[in-house]
C-alpha atoms as a PDB file:
ATOM      1  CA  MET A   1     -38.508-103.727  49.035  1.00  0.00           C
ATOM      2  CA  ALA A   2     -37.603-105.078  45.644  1.00  0.00           C
ATOM      3  CA  GLU A   3     -39.663-107.790  43.927  1.00  0.00           C
ATOM      4  CA  ILE A   4     -38.742-110.535  41.475  1.00  0.00           C
ATOM      5  CA  ILE A   5     -41.431-110.332  38.834  1.00  0.00           C
ATOM      6  CA  LEU A   6     -40.160-112.559  35.992  1.00  0.00           C
ATOM      7  CA  GLY A   7     -37.711-115.300  35.226  1.00  0.00           C
ATOM      8  CA  ILE A   8     -36.424-116.411  31.829  1.00  0.00           C
ATOM      9  CA  ALA A   9     -34.034-119.133  30.723  1.00  0.00           C
ATOM     10  CA  THR A  10     -32.912-119.524  27.132  1.00  0.00           C
ATOM     11  CA  SER A  11     -30.316-121.334  25.130  1.00  0.00           C
ATOM     12  CA  HIS A  12     -27.872-119.197  23.221  1.00  0.00           C
ATOM     13  CA  GLY A  13     -26.261-121.774  20.943  1.00  0.00           C
ATOM     14  CA  PRO A  14     -24.747-120.679  17.596  1.00  0.00           C
ATOM     15  CA  GLN A  15     -27.558-122.271  15.583  1.00  0.00           C
ATOM     16  CA  LEU A  16     -29.920-119.644  17.019  1.00  0.00           C
ATOM     17  CA  ARG A  17     -27.831-116.964  15.317  1.00  0.00           C
ATOM     18  CA  THR A  18     -27.337-118.891  12.089  1.00  0.00           C
ATOM     19  CA  PRO A  19     -30.075-119.231   9.454  1.00  0.00           C
ATOM     20  CA  ALA A  20     -31.318-122.825   9.029  1.00  0.00           C
ATOM     21  CA  GLU A  21     -30.094-123.049   5.441  1.00  0.00           C
ATOM     22  CA  ARG A  22     -26.522-122.650   6.742  1.00  0.00           C
ATOM     23  CA  TRP A  23     -26.609-125.184   9.578  1.00  0.00           C
ATOM     24  CA  HIS A  24     -24.845-127.652   7.314  1.00  0.00           C
ATOM     25  CA  LEU A  25     -21.727-125.473   7.648  1.00  0.00           C
ATOM     26  CA  PHE A  26     -21.276-126.784  11.185  1.00  0.00           C
ATOM     27  CA  LEU A  27     -20.497-130.282   9.894  1.00  0.00           C
ATOM     28  CA  GLU A  28     -16.904-129.457   8.951  1.00  0.00           C
ATOM     29  CA  LYS A  29     -16.391-127.582  12.225  1.00  0.00           C
ATOM     30  CA  ASP A  30     -17.607-130.523  14.334  1.00  0.00           C
ATOM     31  CA  GLN A  31     -15.569-133.043  12.351  1.00  0.00           C
ATOM     32  CA  LYS A  32     -12.426-131.056  13.209  1.00  0.00           C
ATOM     33  CA  ASP A  33     -13.308-130.069  16.769  1.00  0.00           C
ATOM     34  CA  ARG A  34     -10.415-131.187  18.965  1.00  0.00           C
ATOM     35  CA  ARG A  35     -12.536-131.240  22.105  1.00  0.00           C
ATOM     36  CA  PHE A  36     -14.133-134.570  21.179  1.00  0.00           C
ATOM     37  CA  ASP A  37     -13.520-137.600  18.956  1.00  0.00           C
ATOM     38  CA  TYR A  38     -15.992-137.116  16.124  1.00  0.00           C
ATOM     39  CA  GLN A  39     -15.395-140.536  14.574  1.00  0.00           C
ATOM     40  CA  ALA A  40     -15.926-142.289  17.906  1.00  0.00           C
ATOM     41  CA  LEU A  41     -19.201-140.401  18.407  1.00  0.00           C
ATOM     42  CA  LEU A  42     -20.283-141.288  14.883  1.00  0.00           C
ATOM     43  CA  ALA A  43     -19.615-144.971  15.469  1.00  0.00           C
ATOM     44  CA  LYS A  44     -21.976-145.171  18.451  1.00  0.00           C
ATOM     45  CA  ALA A  45     -24.600-142.569  17.400  1.00  0.00           C
ATOM     46  CA  LYS A  46     -28.214-143.590  16.917  1.00  0.00           C
ATOM     47  CA  PRO A  47     -28.897-144.132  13.189  1.00  0.00           C
ATOM     48  CA  GLU A  48     -32.182-142.223  13.401  1.00  0.00           C
ATOM     49  CA  ILE A  49     -30.299-138.991  14.034  1.00  0.00           C
ATOM     50  CA  ARG A  50     -29.535-138.899  10.288  1.00  0.00           C
ATOM     51  CA  ASP A  51     -33.280-138.533   9.643  1.00  0.00           C
ATOM     52  CA  GLN A  52     -33.197-135.145  11.465  1.00  0.00           C
ATOM     53  CA  LEU A  53     -30.553-133.640   9.215  1.00  0.00           C
ATOM     54  CA  THR A  54     -32.706-132.463   6.343  1.00  0.00           C
ATOM     55  CA  ASP A  55     -33.137-128.868   5.263  1.00  0.00           C
ATOM     56  CA  ALA A  56     -36.864-129.057   6.046  1.00  0.00           C
ATOM     57  CA  ILE A  57     -36.323-130.256   9.613  1.00  0.00           C
ATOM     58  CA  PHE A  58     -33.556-127.699  10.134  1.00  0.00           C
ATOM     59  CA  LYS A  59     -36.034-124.992   9.089  1.00  0.00           C
ATOM     60  CA  THR A  60     -38.831-126.345  11.314  1.00  0.00           C
ATOM     61  CA  LYS A  61     -36.543-126.443  14.349  1.00  0.00           C
ATOM     62  CA  TYR A  62     -35.051-123.008  13.620  1.00  0.00           C
ATOM     63  CA  ASP A  63     -38.526-121.469  13.305  1.00  0.00           C
ATOM     64  CA  ALA A  64     -39.671-123.065  16.556  1.00  0.00           C
ATOM     65  CA  CYS A  65     -36.627-121.702  18.385  1.00  0.00           C
ATOM     66  CA  GLN A  66     -37.198-118.221  17.002  1.00  0.00           C
ATOM     67  CA  ALA A  67     -40.859-118.321  18.023  1.00  0.00           C
ATOM     68  CA  ALA A  68     -39.852-119.177  21.586  1.00  0.00           C
ATOM     69  CA  LEU A  69     -37.373-116.309  21.613  1.00  0.00           C
ATOM     70  CA  VAL A  70     -40.082-113.903  20.470  1.00  0.00           C
ATOM     71  CA  GLU A  71     -42.334-115.141  23.282  1.00  0.00           C
ATOM     72  CA  LEU A  72     -39.621-114.555  25.849  1.00  0.00           C
ATOM     73  CA  ARG A  73     -38.780-111.129  24.403  1.00  0.00           C
ATOM     74  CA  ASP A  74     -42.452-110.132  24.610  1.00  0.00           C
ATOM     75  CA  ALA A  75     -42.702-111.384  28.189  1.00  0.00           C
ATOM     76  CA  LEU A  76     -39.690-109.345  29.241  1.00  0.00           C
ATOM     77  CA  ALA A  77     -41.015-106.240  27.494  1.00  0.00           C
ATOM     78  CA  ALA A  78     -44.450-106.669  29.089  1.00  0.00           C
ATOM     79  CA  ALA A  79     -42.943-107.092  32.580  1.00  0.00           C
ATOM     80  CA  ALA A  80     -41.016-103.800  32.195  1.00  0.00           C
ATOM     81  CA  PRO A  81     -38.522-104.556  34.955  1.00  0.00           C
ATOM     82  CA  ASP A  82     -36.398-101.841  36.529  1.00  0.00           C
ATOM     83  CA  ALA A  83     -33.354-104.102  36.413  1.00  0.00           C
ATOM     84  CA  VAL A  84     -32.357-107.385  34.756  1.00  0.00           C
ATOM     85  CA  ILE A  85     -29.898-109.812  36.332  1.00  0.00           C
ATOM     86  CA  ILE A  86     -28.306-111.985  33.649  1.00  0.00           C
ATOM     87  CA  ILE A  87     -26.746-115.271  34.743  1.00  0.00           C
ATOM     88  CA  GLY A  88     -24.308-116.440  32.073  1.00  0.00           C
ATOM     89  CA  ASP A  89     -21.029-118.247  31.572  1.00  0.00           C
ATOM     90  CA  ASP A  90     -17.706-116.759  30.601  1.00  0.00           C
ATOM     91  CA  GLN A  91     -15.681-118.603  27.946  1.00  0.00           C
ATOM     92  CA  HIS A  92     -12.288-116.912  27.847  1.00  0.00           C
ATOM     93  CA  GLU A  93     -13.914-113.554  27.321  1.00  0.00           C
ATOM     94  CA  GLN A  94     -13.125-111.842  30.632  1.00  0.00           C
ATOM     95  CA  PHE A  95     -11.399-114.655  32.510  1.00  0.00           C
ATOM     96  CA  TRP A  96      -8.556-117.029  31.647  1.00  0.00           C
ATOM     97  CA  GLU A  97      -6.741-119.792  33.487  1.00  0.00           C
ATOM     98  CA  ASP A  98      -4.453-117.236  35.148  1.00  0.00           C
ATOM     99  CA  ASN A  99      -7.530-115.912  36.977  1.00  0.00           C
ATOM    100  CA  MET A 100     -10.709-118.026  36.695  1.00  0.00           C
ATOM    101  CA  PRO A 101     -13.319-117.239  39.376  1.00  0.00           C
ATOM    102  CA  MET A 102     -16.145-119.652  40.015  1.00  0.00           C
ATOM    103  CA  PHE A 103     -18.707-116.828  40.360  1.00  0.00           C
ATOM    104  CA  SER A 104     -18.264-113.123  39.583  1.00  0.00           C
ATOM    105  CA  ILE A 105     -20.649-110.146  39.648  1.00  0.00           C
ATOM    106  CA  PHE A 106     -19.942-107.091  37.483  1.00  0.00           C
ATOM    107  CA  HIS A 107     -20.477-103.753  39.217  1.00  0.00           C
ATOM    108  CA  GLY A 108     -19.040-101.209  36.793  1.00  0.00           C
ATOM    109  CA  GLU A 109     -21.172 -98.449  35.364  1.00  0.00           C
ATOM    110  CA  THR A 110     -21.119 -99.384  31.675  1.00  0.00           C
ATOM    111  CA  LEU A 111     -21.239-102.631  29.697  1.00  0.00           C
ATOM    112  CA  GLU A 112     -19.733-102.439  26.227  1.00  0.00           C
ATOM    113  CA  GLN A 113     -20.780-104.822  23.453  1.00  0.00           C
ATOM    114  CA  ILE A 114     -18.067-105.304  20.837  1.00  0.00           C
ATOM    115  CA  PRO A 115     -18.917-106.699  17.368  1.00  0.00           C
ATOM    116  CA  ARG A 116     -17.727-110.266  16.887  1.00  0.00           C
ATOM    117  CA  SER A 117     -15.647-109.249  13.883  1.00  0.00           C
ATOM    118  CA  ALA A 118     -13.620-106.958  16.172  1.00  0.00           C
ATOM    119  CA  GLN A 119     -13.009-109.662  18.785  1.00  0.00           C
ATOM    120  CA  ASN A 120     -10.060-112.021  18.963  1.00  0.00           C
ATOM    121  CA  ARG A 121     -12.007-115.259  18.324  1.00  0.00           C
ATOM    122  CA  GLN A 122     -11.600-118.484  16.438  1.00  0.00           C
ATOM    123  CA  THR A 123     -12.176-118.036  12.735  1.00  0.00           C
ATOM    124  CA  TRP A 124     -15.147-120.434  12.559  1.00  0.00           C
ATOM    125  CA  TRP A 125     -17.214-118.005  14.654  1.00  0.00           C
ATOM    126  CA  ASN A 126     -17.248-115.592  11.705  1.00  0.00           C
ATOM    127  CA  SER A 127     -17.043-118.033   8.789  1.00  0.00           C
ATOM    128  CA  ALA A 128     -18.368-121.563   9.210  1.00  0.00           C
ATOM    129  CA  ALA A 129     -20.927-120.502  11.773  1.00  0.00           C
ATOM    130  CA  ALA A 130     -22.088-117.746   9.445  1.00  0.00           C
ATOM    131  CA  TYR A 131     -22.957-115.318  12.186  1.00  0.00           C
ATOM    132  CA  SER A 132     -24.395-111.971  11.319  1.00  0.00           C
ATOM    133  CA  ASP A 133     -22.199-109.342  12.900  1.00  0.00           C
ATOM    134  CA  GLN A 134     -23.244-107.319  15.898  1.00  0.00           C
ATOM    135  CA  GLN A 135     -23.341-103.596  16.461  1.00  0.00           C
ATOM    136  CA  ARG A 136     -21.125-101.786  18.928  1.00  0.00           C
ATOM    137  CA  ARG A 137     -23.459-100.836  21.770  1.00  0.00           C
ATOM    138  CA  SER A 138     -23.330 -99.685  25.366  1.00  0.00           C
ATOM    139  CA  PHE A 139     -25.567-100.708  28.258  1.00  0.00           C
ATOM    140  CA  THR A 140     -25.956 -99.373  31.740  1.00  0.00           C
ATOM    141  CA  CYS A 141     -25.227-101.533  34.767  1.00  0.00           C
ATOM    142  CA  ASN A 142     -27.322-101.078  37.916  1.00  0.00           C
ATOM    143  CA  VAL A 143     -24.358-100.399  40.179  1.00  0.00           C
ATOM    144  CA  GLU A 144     -26.469-100.007  43.312  1.00  0.00           C
ATOM    145  CA  LEU A 145     -28.136-103.407  42.857  1.00  0.00           C
ATOM    146  CA  ALA A 146     -24.901-105.121  41.836  1.00  0.00           C
ATOM    147  CA  ARG A 147     -23.026-103.936  44.918  1.00  0.00           C
ATOM    148  CA  HIS A 148     -25.971-104.763  47.164  1.00  0.00           C
ATOM    149  CA  LEU A 149     -26.027-108.318  45.790  1.00  0.00           C
ATOM    150  CA  ILE A 150     -22.287-108.668  46.262  1.00  0.00           C
ATOM    151  CA  GLN A 151     -22.440-107.637  49.894  1.00  0.00           C
ATOM    152  CA  GLN A 152     -25.577-109.575  50.786  1.00  0.00           C
ATOM    153  CA  VAL A 153     -24.559-112.786  49.057  1.00  0.00           C
ATOM    154  CA  ILE A 154     -21.156-112.706  50.727  1.00  0.00           C
ATOM    155  CA  ALA A 155     -22.905-112.161  54.050  1.00  0.00           C
ATOM    156  CA  GLN A 156     -24.766-115.435  53.390  1.00  0.00           C
ATOM    157  CA  GLY A 157     -21.527-117.374  53.049  1.00  0.00           C
ATOM    158  CA  PHE A 158     -20.719-117.203  49.330  1.00  0.00           C
ATOM    159  CA  ASP A 159     -17.260-116.001  48.299  1.00  0.00           C
ATOM    160  CA  LEU A 160     -17.684-113.996  45.094  1.00  0.00           C
ATOM    161  CA  ALA A 161     -15.243-112.436  42.743  1.00  0.00           C
ATOM    162  CA  THR A 162     -16.134-108.998  41.393  1.00  0.00           C
ATOM    163  CA  ALA A 163     -15.187-106.869  38.420  1.00  0.00           C
ATOM    164  CA  ASN A 164     -15.884-103.259  37.510  1.00  0.00           C
ATOM    165  CA  LYS A 165     -14.185-103.189  34.099  1.00  0.00           C
ATOM    166  CA  LEU A 166     -14.391-105.347  30.986  1.00  0.00           C
ATOM    167  CA  LYS A 167     -11.572-106.227  28.650  1.00  0.00           C
ATOM    168  CA  SER A 168     -11.871-103.538  26.006  1.00  0.00           C
ATOM    169  CA  GLU A 169     -11.128-105.870  23.115  1.00  0.00           C
ATOM    170  CA  MET A 170     -13.914-108.307  24.107  1.00  0.00           C
ATOM    171  CA  GLY A 171     -16.699-106.421  25.862  1.00  0.00           C
ATOM    172  CA  ILE A 172     -19.533-108.402  27.403  1.00  0.00           C
ATOM    173  CA  GLY A 173     -19.394-112.164  26.786  1.00  0.00           C
ATOM    174  CA  HIS A 174     -21.498-114.078  24.325  1.00  0.00           C
ATOM    175  CA  ALA A 175     -23.923-115.289  27.007  1.00  0.00           C
ATOM    176  CA  PHE A 176     -24.821-111.683  27.772  1.00  0.00           C
ATOM    177  CA  SER A 177     -24.699-110.232  24.271  1.00  0.00           C
ATOM    178  CA  PHE A 178     -27.167-112.907  23.157  1.00  0.00           C
ATOM    179  CA  ILE A 179     -29.660-111.517  25.655  1.00  0.00           C
ATOM    180  CA  THR A 180     -29.063-107.907  24.691  1.00  0.00           C
ATOM    181  CA  ASP A 181     -29.379-108.774  20.977  1.00  0.00           C
ATOM    182  CA  HIS A 182     -32.417-111.067  21.174  1.00  0.00           C
ATOM    183  CA  LEU A 183     -34.442-110.429  24.329  1.00  0.00           C
ATOM    184  CA  LEU A 184     -33.824-106.883  25.457  1.00  0.00           C
ATOM    185  CA  ALA A 185     -36.411-104.837  23.636  1.00  0.00           C
ATOM    186  CA  ASP A 186     -35.628-101.785  25.815  1.00  0.00           C
ATOM    187  CA  PRO A 187     -31.830-101.257  25.765  1.00  0.00           C
ATOM    188  CA  THR A 188     -32.101 -98.643  28.545  1.00  0.00           C
ATOM    189  CA  ILE A 189     -32.997-101.188  31.247  1.00  0.00           C
ATOM    190  CA  PRO A 190     -30.030-101.429  33.651  1.00  0.00           C
ATOM    191  CA  LEU A 191     -28.344-104.832  33.790  1.00  0.00           C
ATOM    192  CA  VAL A 192     -26.377-106.838  36.348  1.00  0.00           C
ATOM    193  CA  PRO A 193     -24.202-109.619  34.864  1.00  0.00           C
ATOM    194  CA  LEU A 194     -23.430-112.624  37.067  1.00  0.00           C
ATOM    195  CA  MET A 195     -20.712-114.780  35.487  1.00  0.00           C
ATOM    196  CA  VAL A 196     -20.421-118.501  36.191  1.00  0.00           C
ATOM    197  CA  ASN A 197     -17.456-120.744  35.361  1.00  0.00           C
ATOM    198  CA  ALA A 198     -19.603-123.368  33.687  1.00  0.00           C
ATOM    199  CA  PHE A 199     -16.843-124.545  31.349  1.00  0.00           C
ATOM    200  CA  PHE A 200     -13.343-124.841  32.724  1.00  0.00           C
ATOM    201  CA  PRO A 201     -11.795-127.224  35.267  1.00  0.00           C
ATOM    202  CA  PRO A 202     -10.647-127.437  37.994  1.00  0.00           C
ATOM    203  CA  ASN A 203     -13.072-125.064  39.764  1.00  0.00           C
ATOM    204  CA  ARG A 204     -16.425-125.606  38.072  1.00  0.00           C
ATOM    205  CA  PRO A 205     -19.239-125.355  40.609  1.00  0.00           C
ATOM    206  CA  TYR A 206     -21.479-128.246  41.575  1.00  0.00           C
ATOM    207  CA  PRO A 207     -25.226-128.017  40.826  1.00  0.00           C
ATOM    208  CA  ALA A 208     -26.174-127.813  44.501  1.00  0.00           C
ATOM    209  CA  ARG A 209     -23.887-124.819  45.002  1.00  0.00           C
ATOM    210  CA  CYS A 210     -25.472-123.051  42.006  1.00  0.00           C
ATOM    211  CA  TYR A 211     -28.998-123.714  43.301  1.00  0.00           C
ATOM    212  CA  ASP A 212     -28.102-122.450  46.770  1.00  0.00           C
ATOM    213  CA  LEU A 213     -26.435-119.328  45.354  1.00  0.00           C
ATOM    214  CA  GLY A 214     -29.645-118.698  43.462  1.00  0.00           C
ATOM    215  CA  LYS A 215     -31.589-118.901  46.709  1.00  0.00           C
ATOM    216  CA  ALA A 216     -29.142-116.448  48.311  1.00  0.00           C
ATOM    217  CA  LEU A 217     -29.548-114.167  45.310  1.00  0.00           C
ATOM    218  CA  SER A 218     -33.319-114.217  45.791  1.00  0.00           C
ATOM    219  CA  ARG A 219     -33.012-113.292  49.471  1.00  0.00           C
ATOM    220  CA  ALA A 220     -30.617-110.473  48.618  1.00  0.00           C
ATOM    221  CA  ILE A 221     -32.990-109.063  46.009  1.00  0.00           C
ATOM    222  CA  HIS A 222     -35.888-109.086  48.455  1.00  0.00           C
ATOM    223  CA  ASP A 223     -33.672-107.305  51.006  1.00  0.00           C
ATOM    224  CA  TRP A 224     -32.856-104.499  48.563  1.00  0.00           C
ATOM    225  CA  ARG A 225     -34.472-101.395  49.996  1.00  0.00           C
ATOM    226  CA  ALA A 226     -35.770-100.093  46.712  1.00  0.00           C
ATOM    227  CA  ASN A 227     -39.247-100.216  45.287  1.00  0.00           C
ATOM    228  CA  LYS A 228     -38.033-101.899  42.123  1.00  0.00           C
ATOM    229  CA  LYS A 229     -39.081-104.784  39.859  1.00  0.00           C
ATOM    230  CA  VAL A 230     -36.329-107.236  39.010  1.00  0.00           C
ATOM    231  CA  ALA A 231     -36.171-109.884  36.281  1.00  0.00           C
ATOM    232  CA  ILE A 232     -33.705-112.754  36.216  1.00  0.00           C
ATOM    233  CA  VAL A 233     -32.465-114.252  32.954  1.00  0.00           C
ATOM    234  CA  ALA A 234     -30.366-117.416  32.595  1.00  0.00           C
ATOM    235  CA  SER A 235     -28.428-117.671  29.348  1.00  0.00           C
ATOM    236  CA  GLY A 236     -27.051-120.887  27.881  1.00  0.00           C
ATOM    237  CA  GLY A 237     -27.558-124.623  27.638  1.00  0.00           C
ATOM    238  CA  LEU A 238     -28.717-127.157  27.304  1.00  0.00           C
ATOM    239  CA  SER A 239     -26.505-130.110  26.290  1.00  0.00           C
ATOM    240  CA  HIS A 240     -23.884-129.346  23.631  1.00  0.00           C
ATOM    241  CA  PHE A 241     -21.866-129.859  21.607  1.00  0.00           C
ATOM    242  CA  ILE A 242     -22.722-133.498  22.192  1.00  0.00           C
ATOM    243  CA  ILE A 243     -26.477-133.652  22.707  1.00  0.00           C
ATOM    244  CA  ASP A 244     -27.658-135.624  25.745  1.00  0.00           C
ATOM    245  CA  GLU A 245     -31.458-135.675  25.685  1.00  0.00           C
ATOM    246  CA  GLU A 246     -31.679-137.880  28.783  1.00  0.00           C
ATOM    247  CA  LEU A 247     -29.642-135.483  30.909  1.00  0.00           C
ATOM    248  CA  ASP A 248     -31.591-132.511  29.568  1.00  0.00           C
ATOM    249  CA  GLY A 249     -34.827-134.200  30.573  1.00  0.00           C
ATOM    250  CA  GLN A 250     -33.525-134.785  34.082  1.00  0.00           C
ATOM    251  CA  LEU A 251     -32.447-131.157  34.459  1.00  0.00           C
ATOM    252  CA  LEU A 252     -35.703-129.730  33.087  1.00  0.00           C
ATOM    253  CA  ASP A 253     -37.770-132.070  35.249  1.00  0.00           C
ATOM    254  CA  GLY A 254     -35.865-130.999  38.362  1.00  0.00           C
ATOM    255  CA  VAL A 255     -36.335-127.326  37.513  1.00  0.00           C
ATOM    256  CA  MET A 256     -40.050-127.778  36.818  1.00  0.00           C
ATOM    257  CA  ARG A 257     -40.606-129.667  40.046  1.00  0.00           C
ATOM    258  CA  LYS A 258     -38.411-127.247  42.049  1.00  0.00           C
ATOM    259  CA  ASP A 259     -36.516-130.304  43.239  1.00  0.00           C
ATOM    260  CA  ARG A 260     -33.176-129.256  44.675  1.00  0.00           C
ATOM    261  CA  SER A 261     -32.226-132.849  45.484  1.00  0.00           C
ATOM    262  CA  ALA A 262     -32.805-134.011  41.930  1.00  0.00           C
ATOM    263  CA  LEU A 263     -30.757-131.139  40.526  1.00  0.00           C
ATOM    264  CA  ALA A 264     -27.997-131.625  43.099  1.00  0.00           C
ATOM    265  CA  ASN A 265     -27.674-135.262  42.036  1.00  0.00           C
ATOM    266  CA  LEU A 266     -27.337-134.699  38.310  1.00  0.00           C
ATOM    267  CA  PRO A 267     -24.290-136.638  37.055  1.00  0.00           C
ATOM    268  CA  VAL A 268     -21.545-134.016  36.886  1.00  0.00           C
ATOM    269  CA  ASP A 269     -19.391-136.122  34.572  1.00  0.00           C
ATOM    270  CA  ARG A 270     -22.058-135.456  31.950  1.00  0.00           C
ATOM    271  CA  LEU A 271     -23.175-132.020  33.130  1.00  0.00           C
ATOM    272  CA  TRP A 272     -19.650-130.657  33.027  1.00  0.00           C
ATOM    273  CA  ARG A 273     -19.017-131.954  29.517  1.00  0.00           C
ATOM    274  CA  LEU A 274     -18.205-129.135  27.106  1.00  0.00           C
ATOM    275  CA  GLY A 275     -21.003-126.547  26.799  1.00  0.00           C
ATOM    276  CA  THR A 276     -23.483-128.699  28.698  1.00  0.00           C
ATOM    277  CA  GLY A 277     -22.178-127.001  31.836  1.00  0.00           C
ATOM    278  CA  GLU A 278     -24.259-123.971  30.911  1.00  0.00           C
ATOM    279  CA  GLY A 279     -27.162-125.869  32.492  1.00  0.00           C
ATOM    280  CA  LEU A 280     -25.696-124.628  35.768  1.00  0.00           C
ATOM    281  CA  ASN A 281     -27.014-121.174  34.823  1.00  0.00           C
ATOM    282  CA  TRP A 282     -30.511-122.660  34.653  1.00  0.00           C
ATOM    283  CA  ILE A 283     -30.050-124.351  38.020  1.00  0.00           C
ATOM    284  CA  MET A 284     -28.984-121.077  39.641  1.00  0.00           C
ATOM    285  CA  ALA A 285     -32.014-119.335  38.140  1.00  0.00           C
ATOM    286  CA  ALA A 286     -34.255-122.117  39.424  1.00  0.00           C
ATOM    287  CA  GLY A 287     -33.011-121.479  42.962  1.00  0.00           C
ATOM    288  CA  ALA A 288     -33.533-117.730  42.617  1.00  0.00           C
ATOM    289  CA  LEU A 289     -37.005-118.115  41.096  1.00  0.00           C
ATOM    290  CA  ASN A 290     -38.346-120.746  43.483  1.00  0.00           C
ATOM    291  CA  GLU A 291     -41.326-118.571  44.439  1.00  0.00           C
ATOM    292  CA  LEU A 292     -42.524-118.235  40.822  1.00  0.00           C
ATOM    293  CA  GLN A 293     -44.041-120.901  38.606  1.00  0.00           C
ATOM    294  CA  PRO A 294     -41.974-122.276  35.712  1.00  0.00           C
ATOM    295  CA  LYS A 295     -43.370-122.982  32.266  1.00  0.00           C
ATOM    296  CA  LEU A 296     -41.325-124.832  29.663  1.00  0.00           C
ATOM    297  CA  LEU A 297     -42.029-123.205  26.295  1.00  0.00           C
ATOM    298  CA  ASN A 298     -40.101-125.678  24.198  1.00  0.00           C
ATOM    299  CA  TYR A 299     -37.239-128.170  24.125  1.00  0.00           C
ATOM    300  CA  ILE A 300     -35.680-128.741  20.729  1.00  0.00           C
ATOM    301  CA  PRO A 301     -32.609-130.972  20.238  1.00  0.00           C
ATOM    302  CA  CYS A 302     -30.968-129.348  17.233  1.00  0.00           C
ATOM    303  CA  TYR A 303     -28.738-132.079  15.831  1.00  0.00           C
ATOM    304  CA  ARG A 304     -26.467-130.925  13.064  1.00  0.00           C
ATOM    305  CA  THR A 305     -24.331-134.005  12.274  1.00  0.00           C
ATOM    306  CA  PRO A 306     -24.967-137.781  12.174  1.00  0.00           C
ATOM    307  CA  ALA A 307     -22.552-138.143  15.137  1.00  0.00           C
ATOM    308  CA  GLY A 308     -25.167-136.514  17.413  1.00  0.00           C
ATOM    309  CA  THR A 309     -23.410-133.179  17.767  1.00  0.00           C
ATOM    310  CA  GLY A 310     -25.304-129.952  17.901  1.00  0.00           C
ATOM    311  CA  CYS A 311     -27.091-127.989  20.625  1.00  0.00           C
ATOM    312  CA  ALA A 312     -30.230-128.875  22.540  1.00  0.00           C
ATOM    313  CA  MET A 313     -32.255-125.667  22.729  1.00  0.00           C
ATOM    314  CA  ALA A 314     -34.651-124.959  25.567  1.00  0.00           C
ATOM    315  CA  PHE A 315     -36.784-121.978  26.575  1.00  0.00           C
ATOM    316  CA  MET A 316     -38.507-121.385  29.920  1.00  0.00           C
ATOM    317  CA  ARG A 317     -40.431-118.644  31.697  1.00  0.00           C
ATOM    318  CA  TRP A 318     -41.262-118.137  35.366  1.00  0.00           C
ATOM    319  CA  LEU A 319     -44.238-115.978  36.436  1.00  0.00           C
END
């Protein structure tokens, strides 16, 4: 029987890919972001946020985030799993409004990673955000495990979408390429991507549903008749692009205490706001990793403008 030997959850916000000395480039992007009213946020933001916008603090926070990523990368390498299930969100990479599943498991043989410069993305991804470009790479999917999970999770009452091909112009989504770029020391480990609609109405999942799907995922892994070690990685979060430290604290506390009720009762009007919905990936992982013990490595609210925009970074490990 298969065994879950490690769990990881990590933010994947753009500031993790952007050197600290270039974080100031996000100011213009946030001022023009049509998804929120920057001036309204600025008017009600806490004045002390301005004190966190110095080059020195940017560098301190960036270094702390990178240290946490190294710790998670080392933990994954030391565990040497036979397969890694990555729980991540899709943001118009594989799915659009003409077909937007709530949950989808990929079961094709190969996962292609396409460089950002070759993708059809907004210009700020490659300019203002100052990303370093990626390499074109291929990864193997554990087809046997993926199809086992699909069948067993459906048998437990969850209706899943599936996919066995990726859009060739996009490749794997950003939630998954962040893990392959930053945490996967051994690129030969087979992967299983589980995509969550954490972003787009009207069919975003509720926290309780994500937690329960995580529990079903755990049962399915343990029922896999293979003597294999499996790791689970949640990619994304926490609150962004409007940082909500109070909500983040509630989510992290619920995960640490393994408290389904607390997680189920998180205010969805705040949880579903912009990228903050990626916390659902953490909640699903918490359900799947209930038998292991969580350890919060760090929580770092990375403000980047006086209006309180940015990304709250968090890093957790289950053993």
